[in-house]
């Protein structure tokens, strides 16, 4: 199952900057633990986006609690889960689940 997470800044830029390195270390941990597929800032500068691969949203919620941005209440979190039905033949089989490859 895939889980799309949008982090929206709700704090001052200085507070975000103070915790940015720790947030990046948390992201690196997510990549190493094979929880995160990709992550990056939103083009409008309002926050960031993370795509997770996990069996359920509870494990994503649990992992998000360790994000310094979440711990320090610097972002609001929106999580939407999807079970892919169709996927590109180029999309990694591990993440596409039982979807039909096109």
PDB file of N, CA and C in Angstrom:
ATOM      1  N   UNK A   1       0.838  -1.172   0.000  1.00  0.00           N
ATOM      2  CA  UNK A   1       0.000   0.000   0.000  1.00  0.00           C
ATOM      3  C   UNK A   1       0.889   1.244   0.000  1.00  0.00           C
ATOM      4  N   UNK A   2       0.465   2.268  -0.727  1.00  0.00           N
ATOM      5  CA  UNK A   2       1.190   3.527  -0.788  1.00  0.00           C
ATOM      6  C   UNK A   2       0.475   4.568   0.065  1.00  0.00           C
ATOM      7  N   UNK A   3       1.255   5.469   0.643  1.00  0.00           N
ATOM      8  CA  UNK A   3       0.709   6.494   1.533  1.00  0.00           C
ATOM      9  C   UNK A   3       1.339   7.828   1.164  1.00  0.00           C
ATOM     10  N   UNK A   4       0.505   8.770   0.744  1.00  0.00           N
ATOM     11  CA  UNK A   4       0.961  10.104   0.361  1.00  0.00           C
ATOM     12  C   UNK A   4       0.818  11.031   1.559  1.00  0.00           C
ATOM     13  N   UNK A   5       1.913  11.662   1.938  1.00  0.00           N
ATOM     14  CA  UNK A   5       1.917  12.562   3.093  1.00  0.00           C
ATOM     15  C   UNK A   5       2.321  13.955   2.630  1.00  0.00           C
ATOM     16  N   UNK A   6       1.479  14.925   2.952  1.00  0.00           N
ATOM     17  CA  UNK A   6       1.809  16.324   2.707  1.00  0.00           C
ATOM     18  C   UNK A   6       2.039  16.994   4.050  1.00  0.00           C
ATOM     19  N   UNK A   7       3.207  17.598   4.194  1.00  0.00           N
ATOM     20  CA  UNK A   7       3.538  18.380   5.384  1.00  0.00           C
ATOM     21  C   UNK A   7       3.398  19.851   5.003  1.00  0.00           C
ATOM     22  N   UNK A   8       2.556  20.576   5.726  1.00  0.00           N
ATOM     23  CA  UNK A   8       2.344  21.997   5.460  1.00  0.00           C
ATOM     24  C   UNK A   8       2.895  22.798   6.624  1.00  0.00           C
ATOM     25  N   UNK A   9       3.782  23.738   6.315  1.00  0.00           N
ATOM     26  CA  UNK A   9       4.388  24.558   7.365  1.00  0.00           C
ATOM     27  C   UNK A   9       3.321  25.377   8.094  1.00  0.00           C
ATOM     28  N   UNK A  10       3.399  25.366   9.423  1.00  0.00           N
ATOM     29  CA  UNK A  10       2.496  26.167  10.256  1.00  0.00           C
ATOM     30  C   UNK A  10       3.295  27.020  11.236  1.00  0.00           C
ATOM     31  N   UNK A  11       4.587  27.113  11.009  1.00  0.00           N
ATOM     32  CA  UNK A  11       5.469  27.848  11.908  1.00  0.00           C
ATOM     33  C   UNK A  11       6.337  28.815  11.110  1.00  0.00           C
ATOM     34  N   UNK A  12       7.101  29.613  11.817  1.00  0.00           N
ATOM     35  CA  UNK A  12       7.979  30.599  11.196  1.00  0.00           C
ATOM     36  C   UNK A  12       9.154  29.920  10.494  1.00  0.00           C
ATOM     37  N   UNK A  13       9.625  30.561   9.452  1.00  0.00           N
ATOM     38  CA  UNK A  13      10.733  30.044   8.649  1.00  0.00           C
ATOM     39  C   UNK A  13      11.974  29.753   9.495  1.00  0.00           C
ATOM     40  N   UNK A  14      12.225  30.588  10.498  1.00  0.00           N
ATOM     41  CA  UNK A  14      13.391  30.393  11.365  1.00  0.00           C
ATOM     42  C   UNK A  14      13.282  29.081  12.147  1.00  0.00           C
ATOM     43  N   UNK A  15      12.071  28.765  12.603  1.00  0.00           N
ATOM     44  CA  UNK A  15      11.859  27.514  13.336  1.00  0.00           C
ATOM     45  C   UNK A  15      12.067  26.310  12.421  1.00  0.00           C
ATOM     46  N   UNK A  16      11.560  26.413  11.203  1.00  0.00           N
ATOM     47  CA  UNK A  16      11.740  25.341  10.217  1.00  0.00           C
ATOM     48  C   UNK A  16      13.237  25.144   9.954  1.00  0.00           C
ATOM     49  N   UNK A  17      13.947  26.225   9.707  1.00  0.00           N
ATOM     50  CA  UNK A  17      15.384  26.156   9.401  1.00  0.00           C
ATOM     51  C   UNK A  17      16.170  25.524  10.545  1.00  0.00           C
ATOM     52  N   UNK A  18      15.771  25.812  11.769  1.00  0.00           N
ATOM     53  CA  UNK A  18      16.473  25.292  12.949  1.00  0.00           C
ATOM     54  C   UNK A  18      16.378  23.764  13.034  1.00  0.00           C
ATOM     55  N   UNK A  19      15.301  23.191  12.509  1.00  0.00           N
ATOM     56  CA  UNK A  19      15.087  21.741  12.607  1.00  0.00           C
ATOM     57  C   UNK A  19      15.255  21.019  11.268  1.00  0.00           C
ATOM     58  N   UNK A  20      15.670  21.744  10.231  1.00  0.00           N
ATOM     59  CA  UNK A  20      15.756  21.157   8.892  1.00  0.00           C
ATOM     60  C   UNK A  20      16.768  20.016   8.806  1.00  0.00           C
ATOM     61  N   UNK A  21      17.946  20.174   9.380  1.00  0.00           N
ATOM     62  CA  UNK A  21      18.948  19.100   9.319  1.00  0.00           C
ATOM     63  C   UNK A  21      18.453  17.834  10.009  1.00  0.00           C
ATOM     64  N   UNK A  22      17.809  17.985  11.149  1.00  0.00           N
ATOM     65  CA  UNK A  22      17.269  16.821  11.864  1.00  0.00           C
ATOM     66  C   UNK A  22      16.151  16.167  11.050  1.00  0.00           C
ATOM     67  N   UNK A  23      15.330  16.979  10.388  1.00  0.00           N
ATOM     68  CA  UNK A  23      14.269  16.449   9.525  1.00  0.00           C
ATOM     69  C   UNK A  23      14.884  15.642   8.382  1.00  0.00           C
ATOM     70  N   UNK A  24      15.951  16.159   7.777  1.00  0.00           N
ATOM     71  CA  UNK A  24      16.621  15.439   6.685  1.00  0.00           C
ATOM     72  C   UNK A  24      17.219  14.121   7.173  1.00  0.00           C
ATOM     73  N   UNK A  25      17.762  14.097   8.374  1.00  0.00           N
ATOM     74  CA  UNK A  25      18.286  12.849   8.948  1.00  0.00           C
ATOM     75  C   UNK A  25      17.159  11.839   9.159  1.00  0.00           C
ATOM     76  N   UNK A  26      16.005  12.327   9.589  1.00  0.00           N
ATOM     77  CA  UNK A  26      14.833  11.461   9.759  1.00  0.00           C
ATOM     78  C   UNK A  26      14.417  10.880   8.402  1.00  0.00           C
ATOM     79  N   UNK A  27      14.428  11.715   7.350  1.00  0.00           N
ATOM     80  CA  UNK A  27      14.106  11.223   6.007  1.00  0.00           C
ATOM     81  C   UNK A  27      15.095  10.149   5.565  1.00  0.00           C
ATOM     82  N   UNK A  28      16.380  10.382   5.787  1.00  0.00           N
ATOM     83  CA  UNK A  28      17.409   9.403   5.417  1.00  0.00           C
ATOM     84  C   UNK A  28      17.150   8.077   6.121  1.00  0.00           C
ATOM     85  N   UNK A  29      16.785   8.143   7.391  1.00  0.00           N
ATOM     86  CA  UNK A  29      16.432   6.921   8.122  1.00  0.00           C
ATOM     87  C   UNK A  29      15.265   6.202   7.436  1.00  0.00           C
ATOM     88  N   UNK A  30      14.272   6.960   6.990  1.00  0.00           N
ATOM     89  CA  UNK A  30      13.127   6.368   6.299  1.00  0.00           C
ATOM     90  C   UNK A  30      13.515   5.684   5.000  1.00  0.00           C
ATOM     91  N   UNK A  31      14.458   6.283   4.266  1.00  0.00           N
ATOM     92  CA  UNK A  31      14.945   5.641   3.044  1.00  0.00           C
ATOM     93  C   UNK A  31      15.709   4.361   3.372  1.00  0.00           C
ATOM     94  N   UNK A  32      16.571   4.416   4.365  1.00  0.00           N
ATOM     95  CA  UNK A  32      17.367   3.243   4.745  1.00  0.00           C
ATOM     96  C   UNK A  32      16.492   2.103   5.241  1.00  0.00           C
ATOM     97  N   UNK A  33      15.396   2.439   5.917  1.00  0.00           N
ATOM     98  CA  UNK A  33      14.466   1.420   6.415  1.00  0.00           C
ATOM     99  C   UNK A  33      13.445   1.014   5.353  1.00  0.00           C
ATOM    100  N   UNK A  34      13.597   1.541   4.135  1.00  0.00           N
ATOM    101  CA  UNK A  34      12.731   1.239   2.989  1.00  0.00           C
ATOM    102  C   UNK A  34      11.273   1.587   3.248  1.00  0.00           C
ATOM    103  N   UNK A  35      11.033   2.632   4.010  1.00  0.00           N
ATOM    104  CA  UNK A  35       9.684   3.126   4.256  1.00  0.00           C
ATOM    105  C   UNK A  35       9.309   4.210   3.245  1.00  0.00           C
ATOM    106  N   UNK A  36      10.292   5.037   2.856  1.00  0.00           N
ATOM    107  CA  UNK A  36      10.048   6.183   1.988  1.00  0.00           C
ATOM    108  C   UNK A  36      10.515   5.878   0.569  1.00  0.00           C
ATOM    109  N   UNK A  37       9.653   6.193  -0.408  1.00  0.00           N
ATOM    110  CA  UNK A  37       9.988   6.024  -1.824  1.00  0.00           C
ATOM    111  C   UNK A  37      10.641   7.296  -2.351  1.00  0.00           C
ATOM    112  N   UNK A  38      10.017   8.439  -2.079  1.00  0.00           N
ATOM    113  CA  UNK A  38      10.628   9.723  -2.431  1.00  0.00           C
ATOM    114  C   UNK A  38      10.080  10.811  -1.528  1.00  0.00           C
ATOM    115  N   UNK A  39      10.813  11.926  -1.480  1.00  0.00           N
ATOM    116  CA  UNK A  39      10.417  13.065  -0.651  1.00  0.00           C
ATOM    117  C   UNK A  39      11.010  14.327  -1.244  1.00  0.00           C
ATOM    118  N   UNK A  40      10.327  15.441  -1.025  1.00  0.00           N
ATOM    119  CA  UNK A  40      10.865  16.706  -1.496  1.00  0.00           C
ATOM    120  C   UNK A  40       9.965  17.867  -1.145  1.00  0.00           C
ATOM    121  N   UNK A  41      10.511  19.079  -1.291  1.00  0.00           N
ATOM    122  CA  UNK A  41       9.729  20.278  -0.983  1.00  0.00           C
ATOM    123  C   UNK A  41       8.663  20.529  -2.052  1.00  0.00           C
ATOM    124  N   UNK A  42       7.565  21.131  -1.650  1.00  0.00           N
ATOM    125  CA  UNK A  42       6.524  21.524  -2.595  1.00  0.00           C
ATOM    126  C   UNK A  42       7.013  22.724  -3.400  1.00  0.00           C
ATOM    127  N   UNK A  43       6.618  22.798  -4.643  1.00  0.00           N
ATOM    128  CA  UNK A  43       7.110  23.855  -5.534  1.00  0.00           C
ATOM    129  C   UNK A  43       6.696  25.254  -5.082  1.00  0.00           C
ATOM    130  N   UNK A  44       5.617  25.358  -4.305  1.00  0.00           N
ATOM    131  CA  UNK A  44       5.177  26.675  -3.838  1.00  0.00           C
ATOM    132  C   UNK A  44       5.808  27.074  -2.501  1.00  0.00           C
ATOM    133  N   UNK A  45       6.676  26.214  -1.956  1.00  0.00           N
ATOM    134  CA  UNK A  45       7.385  26.531  -0.722  1.00  0.00           C
ATOM    135  C   UNK A  45       6.571  26.399   0.550  1.00  0.00           C
ATOM    136  N   UNK A  46       5.372  25.825   0.451  1.00  0.00           N
ATOM    137  CA  UNK A  46       4.492  25.747   1.620  1.00  0.00           C
ATOM    138  C   UNK A  46       4.720  24.527   2.503  1.00  0.00           C
ATOM    139  N   UNK A  47       5.620  23.634   2.089  1.00  0.00           N
ATOM    140  CA  UNK A  47       5.850  22.421   2.870  1.00  0.00           C
ATOM    141  C   UNK A  47       6.566  21.372   2.050  1.00  0.00           C
ATOM    142  N   UNK A  48       6.229  20.111   2.305  1.00  0.00           N
ATOM    143  CA  UNK A  48       6.884  19.016   1.611  1.00  0.00           C
ATOM    144  C   UNK A  48       5.939  17.858   1.368  1.00  0.00           C
ATOM    145  N   UNK A  49       6.399  16.908   0.557  1.00  0.00           N
ATOM    146  CA  UNK A  49       5.611  15.739   0.180  1.00  0.00           C
ATOM    147  C   UNK A  49       6.485  14.508   0.345  1.00  0.00           C
ATOM    148  N   UNK A  50       5.895  13.454   0.913  1.00  0.00           N
ATOM    149  CA  UNK A  50       6.616  12.194   1.113  1.00  0.00           C
ATOM    150  C   UNK A  50       5.712  11.061   0.648  1.00  0.00           C
ATOM    151  N   UNK A  51       6.248  10.155  -0.157  1.00  0.00           N
ATOM    152  CA  UNK A  51       5.508   8.963  -0.552  1.00  0.00           C
ATOM    153  C   UNK A  51       6.088   7.772   0.199  1.00  0.00           C
ATOM    154  N   UNK A  52       5.233   7.125   0.977  1.00  0.00           N
ATOM    155  CA  UNK A  52       5.620   5.972   1.786  1.00  0.00           C
ATOM    156  C   UNK A  52       5.108   4.685   1.158  1.00  0.00           C
ATOM    157  N   UNK A  53       5.813   3.599   1.418  1.00  0.00           N
ATOM    158  CA  UNK A  53       5.334   2.251   1.123  1.00  0.00           C
ATOM    159  C   UNK A  53       5.269   1.513   2.447  1.00  0.00           C
ATOM    160  N   UNK A  54       4.067   1.044   2.796  1.00  0.00           N
ATOM    161  CA  UNK A  54       3.880   0.357   4.075  1.00  0.00           C
ATOM    162  C   UNK A  54       2.600  -0.464   4.008  1.00  0.00           C
ATOM    163  N   UNK A  55       2.533  -1.499   4.815  1.00  0.00           N
ATOM    164  CA  UNK A  55       1.342  -2.347   4.848  1.00  0.00           C
ATOM    165  C   UNK A  55       0.104  -1.599   5.324  1.00  0.00           C
ATOM    166  N   UNK A  56       0.296  -0.608   6.207  1.00  0.00           N
ATOM    167  CA  UNK A  56      -0.862   0.114   6.743  1.00  0.00           C
ATOM    168  C   UNK A  56      -0.476   1.533   7.145  1.00  0.00           C
ATOM    169  N   UNK A  57      -1.481   2.364   7.316  1.00  0.00           N
ATOM    170  CA  UNK A  57      -1.230   3.763   7.654  1.00  0.00           C
ATOM    171  C   UNK A  57      -0.788   3.938   9.104  1.00  0.00           C
ATOM    172  N   UNK A  58      -1.110   2.981   9.972  1.00  0.00           N
ATOM    173  CA  UNK A  58      -0.684   3.086  11.376  1.00  0.00           C
ATOM    174  C   UNK A  58       0.838   3.130  11.493  1.00  0.00           C
ATOM    175  N   UNK A  59       1.530   2.327  10.696  1.00  0.00           N
ATOM    176  CA  UNK A  59       2.996   2.327  10.762  1.00  0.00           C
ATOM    177  C   UNK A  59       3.566   3.646  10.236  1.00  0.00           C
ATOM    178  N   UNK A  60       2.897   4.245   9.257  1.00  0.00           N
ATOM    179  CA  UNK A  60       3.325   5.557   8.754  1.00  0.00           C
ATOM    180  C   UNK A  60       3.103   6.611   9.834  1.00  0.00           C
ATOM    181  N   UNK A  61       1.923   6.588  10.467  1.00  0.00           N
ATOM    182  CA  UNK A  61       1.639   7.519  11.572  1.00  0.00           C
ATOM    183  C   UNK A  61       2.696   7.402  12.665  1.00  0.00           C
ATOM    184  N   UNK A  62       3.046   6.179  13.003  1.00  0.00           N
ATOM    185  CA  UNK A  62       4.047   5.945  14.053  1.00  0.00           C
ATOM    186  C   UNK A  62       5.402   6.534  13.654  1.00  0.00           C
ATOM    187  N   UNK A  63       5.805   6.315  12.405  1.00  0.00           N
ATOM    188  CA  UNK A  63       7.086   6.841  11.928  1.00  0.00           C
ATOM    189  C   UNK A  63       7.064   8.369  11.878  1.00  0.00           C
ATOM    190  N   UNK A  64       5.943   8.943  11.463  1.00  0.00           N
ATOM    191  CA  UNK A  64       5.824  10.400  11.380  1.00  0.00           C
ATOM    192  C   UNK A  64       6.018  11.074  12.738  1.00  0.00           C
ATOM    193  N   UNK A  65       5.651  10.407  13.802  1.00  0.00           N
ATOM    194  CA  UNK A  65       5.792  10.990  15.146  1.00  0.00           C
ATOM    195  C   UNK A  65       7.248  11.287  15.491  1.00  0.00           C
ATOM    196  N   UNK A  66       8.182  10.613  14.812  1.00  0.00           N
ATOM    197  CA  UNK A  66       9.611  10.840  15.055  1.00  0.00           C
ATOM    198  C   UNK A  66      10.185  11.986  14.226  1.00  0.00           C
ATOM    199  N   UNK A  67       9.411  12.512  13.283  1.00  0.00           N
ATOM    200  CA  UNK A  67       9.891  13.625  12.460  1.00  0.00           C
ATOM    201  C   UNK A  67      10.009  14.870  13.340  1.00  0.00           C
ATOM    202  N   UNK A  68      11.182  15.495  13.390  1.00  0.00           N
ATOM    203  CA  UNK A  68      11.341  16.708  14.205  1.00  0.00           C
ATOM    204  C   UNK A  68      10.333  17.805  13.861  1.00  0.00           C
ATOM    205  N   UNK A  69       9.943  17.913  12.593  1.00  0.00           N
ATOM    206  CA  UNK A  69       8.930  18.904  12.223  1.00  0.00           C
ATOM    207  C   UNK A  69       7.599  18.606  12.910  1.00  0.00           C
ATOM    208  N   UNK A  70       7.254  17.330  13.012  1.00  0.00           N
ATOM    209  CA  UNK A  70       6.006  16.925  13.669  1.00  0.00           C
ATOM    210  C   UNK A  70       6.153  17.055  15.184  1.00  0.00           C
ATOM    211  N   UNK A  71       7.265  16.569  15.718  1.00  0.00           N
ATOM    212  CA  UNK A  71       7.514  16.638  17.170  1.00  0.00           C
ATOM    213  C   UNK A  71       7.411  18.059  17.711  1.00  0.00           C
ATOM    214  N   UNK A  72       7.892  19.023  16.937  1.00  0.00           N
ATOM    215  CA  UNK A  72       7.923  20.419  17.391  1.00  0.00           C
ATOM    216  C   UNK A  72       6.738  21.235  16.866  1.00  0.00           C
ATOM    217  N   UNK A  73       5.744  20.542  16.301  1.00  0.00           N
ATOM    218  CA  UNK A  73       4.504  21.181  15.831  1.00  0.00           C
ATOM    219  C   UNK A  73       4.772  22.283  14.804  1.00  0.00           C
ATOM    220  N   UNK A  74       5.700  22.022  13.888  1.00  0.00           N
ATOM    221  CA  UNK A  74       6.063  22.990  12.854  1.00  0.00           C
ATOM    222  C   UNK A  74       5.272  22.787  11.569  1.00  0.00           C
ATOM    223  N   UNK A  75       4.587  21.638  11.456  1.00  0.00           N
ATOM    224  CA  UNK A  75       3.829  21.300  10.250  1.00  0.00           C
ATOM    225  C   UNK A  75       2.486  20.687  10.623  1.00  0.00           C
ATOM    226  N   UNK A  76       1.534  20.814   9.702  1.00  0.00           N
ATOM    227  CA  UNK A  76       0.326  20.001   9.782  1.00  0.00           C
ATOM    228  C   UNK A  76       0.541  18.830   8.827  1.00  0.00           C
ATOM    229  N   UNK A  77      -0.093  17.710   9.121  1.00  0.00           N
ATOM    230  CA  UNK A  77       0.129  16.485   8.354  1.00  0.00           C
ATOM    231  C   UNK A  77      -1.174  16.033   7.710  1.00  0.00           C
ATOM    232  N   UNK A  78      -1.110  15.752   6.414  1.00  0.00           N
ATOM    233  CA  UNK A  78      -2.230  15.156   5.692  1.00  0.00           C
ATOM    234  C   UNK A  78      -1.745  13.831   5.117  1.00  0.00           C
ATOM    235  N   UNK A  79      -2.445  12.747   5.440  1.00  0.00           N
ATOM    236  CA  UNK A  79      -2.058  11.416   4.970  1.00  0.00           C
ATOM    237  C   UNK A  79      -3.215  10.806   4.194  1.00  0.00           C
ATOM    238  N   UNK A  80      -2.932  10.368   2.985  1.00  0.00           N
ATOM    239  CA  UNK A  80      -3.921   9.684   2.152  1.00  0.00           C
ATOM    240  C   UNK A  80      -3.296   8.377   1.685  1.00  0.00           C
ATOM    241  N   UNK A  81      -4.037   7.276   1.823  1.00  0.00           N
ATOM    242  CA  UNK A  81      -3.527   5.953   1.440  1.00  0.00           C
ATOM    243  C   UNK A  81      -4.205   5.477   0.163  1.00  0.00           C
ATOM    244  N   UNK A  82      -3.463   4.676  -0.606  1.00  0.00           N
ATOM    245  CA  UNK A  82      -3.989   4.131  -1.855  1.00  0.00           C
ATOM    246  C   UNK A  82      -3.445   2.722  -2.071  1.00  0.00           C
ATOM    247  N   UNK A  83      -4.290   1.874  -2.590  1.00  0.00           N
ATOM    248  CA  UNK A  83      -3.874   0.556  -3.052  1.00  0.00           C
ATOM    249  C   UNK A  83      -3.877   0.641  -4.569  1.00  0.00           C
ATOM    250  N   UNK A  84      -2.713   0.702  -5.208  1.00  0.00           N
ATOM    251  CA  UNK A  84      -2.666   0.899  -6.657  1.00  0.00           C
ATOM    252  C   UNK A  84      -3.457  -0.170  -7.417  1.00  0.00           C
ATOM    253  N   UNK A  85      -4.233   0.277  -8.414  1.00  0.00           N
ATOM    254  CA  UNK A  85      -4.979  -0.634  -9.277  1.00  0.00           C
ATOM    255  C   UNK A  85      -4.281  -0.774 -10.627  1.00  0.00           C
ATOM    256  N   UNK A  86      -3.718   0.331 -11.114  1.00  0.00           N
ATOM    257  CA  UNK A  86      -2.961   0.344 -12.362  1.00  0.00           C
ATOM    258  C   UNK A  86      -1.625   1.013 -12.096  1.00  0.00           C
ATOM    259  N   UNK A  87      -0.597   0.557 -12.786  1.00  0.00           N
ATOM    260  CA  UNK A  87       0.721   1.179 -12.623  1.00  0.00           C
ATOM    261  C   UNK A  87       1.511   1.057 -13.922  1.00  0.00           C
ATOM    262  N   UNK A  88       2.461   1.966 -14.076  1.00  0.00           N
ATOM    263  CA  UNK A  88       3.364   1.929 -15.220  1.00  0.00           C
ATOM    264  C   UNK A  88       4.243   0.684 -15.123  1.00  0.00           C
ATOM    265  N   UNK A  89       4.580   0.129 -16.250  1.00  0.00           N
ATOM    266  CA  UNK A  89       5.483  -1.029 -16.253  1.00  0.00           C
ATOM    267  C   UNK A  89       6.838  -0.664 -15.655  1.00  0.00           C
ATOM    268  N   UNK A  90       7.158   0.627 -15.627  1.00  0.00           N
ATOM    269  CA  UNK A  90       8.429   1.095 -15.072  1.00  0.00           C
ATOM    270  C   UNK A  90       8.381   1.318 -13.563  1.00  0.00           C
ATOM    271  N   UNK A  91       7.190   1.248 -12.979  1.00  0.00           N
ATOM    272  CA  UNK A  91       7.065   1.454 -11.535  1.00  0.00           C
ATOM    273  C   UNK A  91       7.506   0.182 -10.819  1.00  0.00           C
ATOM    274  N   UNK A  92       8.298   0.348  -9.790  1.00  0.00           N
ATOM    275  CA  UNK A  92       8.889  -0.788  -9.078  1.00  0.00           C
ATOM    276  C   UNK A  92       7.809  -1.773  -8.616  1.00  0.00           C
ATOM    277  N   UNK A  93       8.000  -3.032  -8.945  1.00  0.00           N
ATOM    278  CA  UNK A  93       7.052  -4.094  -8.607  1.00  0.00           C
ATOM    279  C   UNK A  93       6.773  -4.164  -7.108  1.00  0.00           C
ATOM    280  N   UNK A  94       7.778  -3.898  -6.307  1.00  0.00           N
ATOM    281  CA  UNK A  94       7.632  -3.948  -4.847  1.00  0.00           C
ATOM    282  C   UNK A  94       6.568  -2.970  -4.361  1.00  0.00           C
ATOM    283  N   UNK A  95       6.460  -1.816  -5.024  1.00  0.00           N
ATOM    284  CA  UNK A  95       5.548  -0.768  -4.582  1.00  0.00           C
ATOM    285  C   UNK A  95       4.177  -0.857  -5.239  1.00  0.00           C
ATOM    286  N   UNK A  96       4.082  -1.534  -6.377  1.00  0.00           N
ATOM    287  CA  UNK A  96       2.827  -1.539  -7.128  1.00  0.00           C
ATOM    288  C   UNK A  96       1.830  -2.582  -6.641  1.00  0.00           C
ATOM    289  N   UNK A  97       2.262  -3.464  -5.738  1.00  0.00           N
ATOM    290  CA  UNK A  97       1.339  -4.447  -5.168  1.00  0.00           C
ATOM    291  C   UNK A  97       0.722  -5.328  -6.230  1.00  0.00           C
ATOM    292  N   UNK A  98      -0.598  -5.465  -6.172  1.00  0.00           N
ATOM    293  CA  UNK A  98      -1.320  -6.318  -7.114  1.00  0.00           C
ATOM    294  C   UNK A  98      -1.864  -5.536  -8.300  1.00  0.00           C
ATOM    295  N   UNK A  99      -1.353  -4.346  -8.528  1.00  0.00           N
ATOM    296  CA  UNK A  99      -1.876  -3.519  -9.616  1.00  0.00           C
ATOM    297  C   UNK A  99      -1.527  -4.124 -10.972  1.00  0.00           C
ATOM    298  N   UNK A 100      -2.343  -3.768 -11.951  1.00  0.00           N
ATOM    299  CA  UNK A 100      -2.102  -4.212 -13.318  1.00  0.00           C
ATOM    300  C   UNK A 100      -1.054  -3.298 -13.938  1.00  0.00           C
ATOM    301  N   UNK A 101       0.011  -3.888 -14.429  1.00  0.00           N
ATOM    302  CA  UNK A 101       1.097  -3.131 -15.058  1.00  0.00           C
ATOM    303  C   UNK A 101       0.744  -2.827 -16.506  1.00  0.00           C
ATOM    304  N   UNK A 102       0.885  -1.570 -16.884  1.00  0.00           N
ATOM    305  CA  UNK A 102       0.540  -1.147 -18.251  1.00  0.00           C
ATOM    306  C   UNK A 102       1.780  -0.572 -18.913  1.00  0.00           C
TER     307      UNK A 102
END
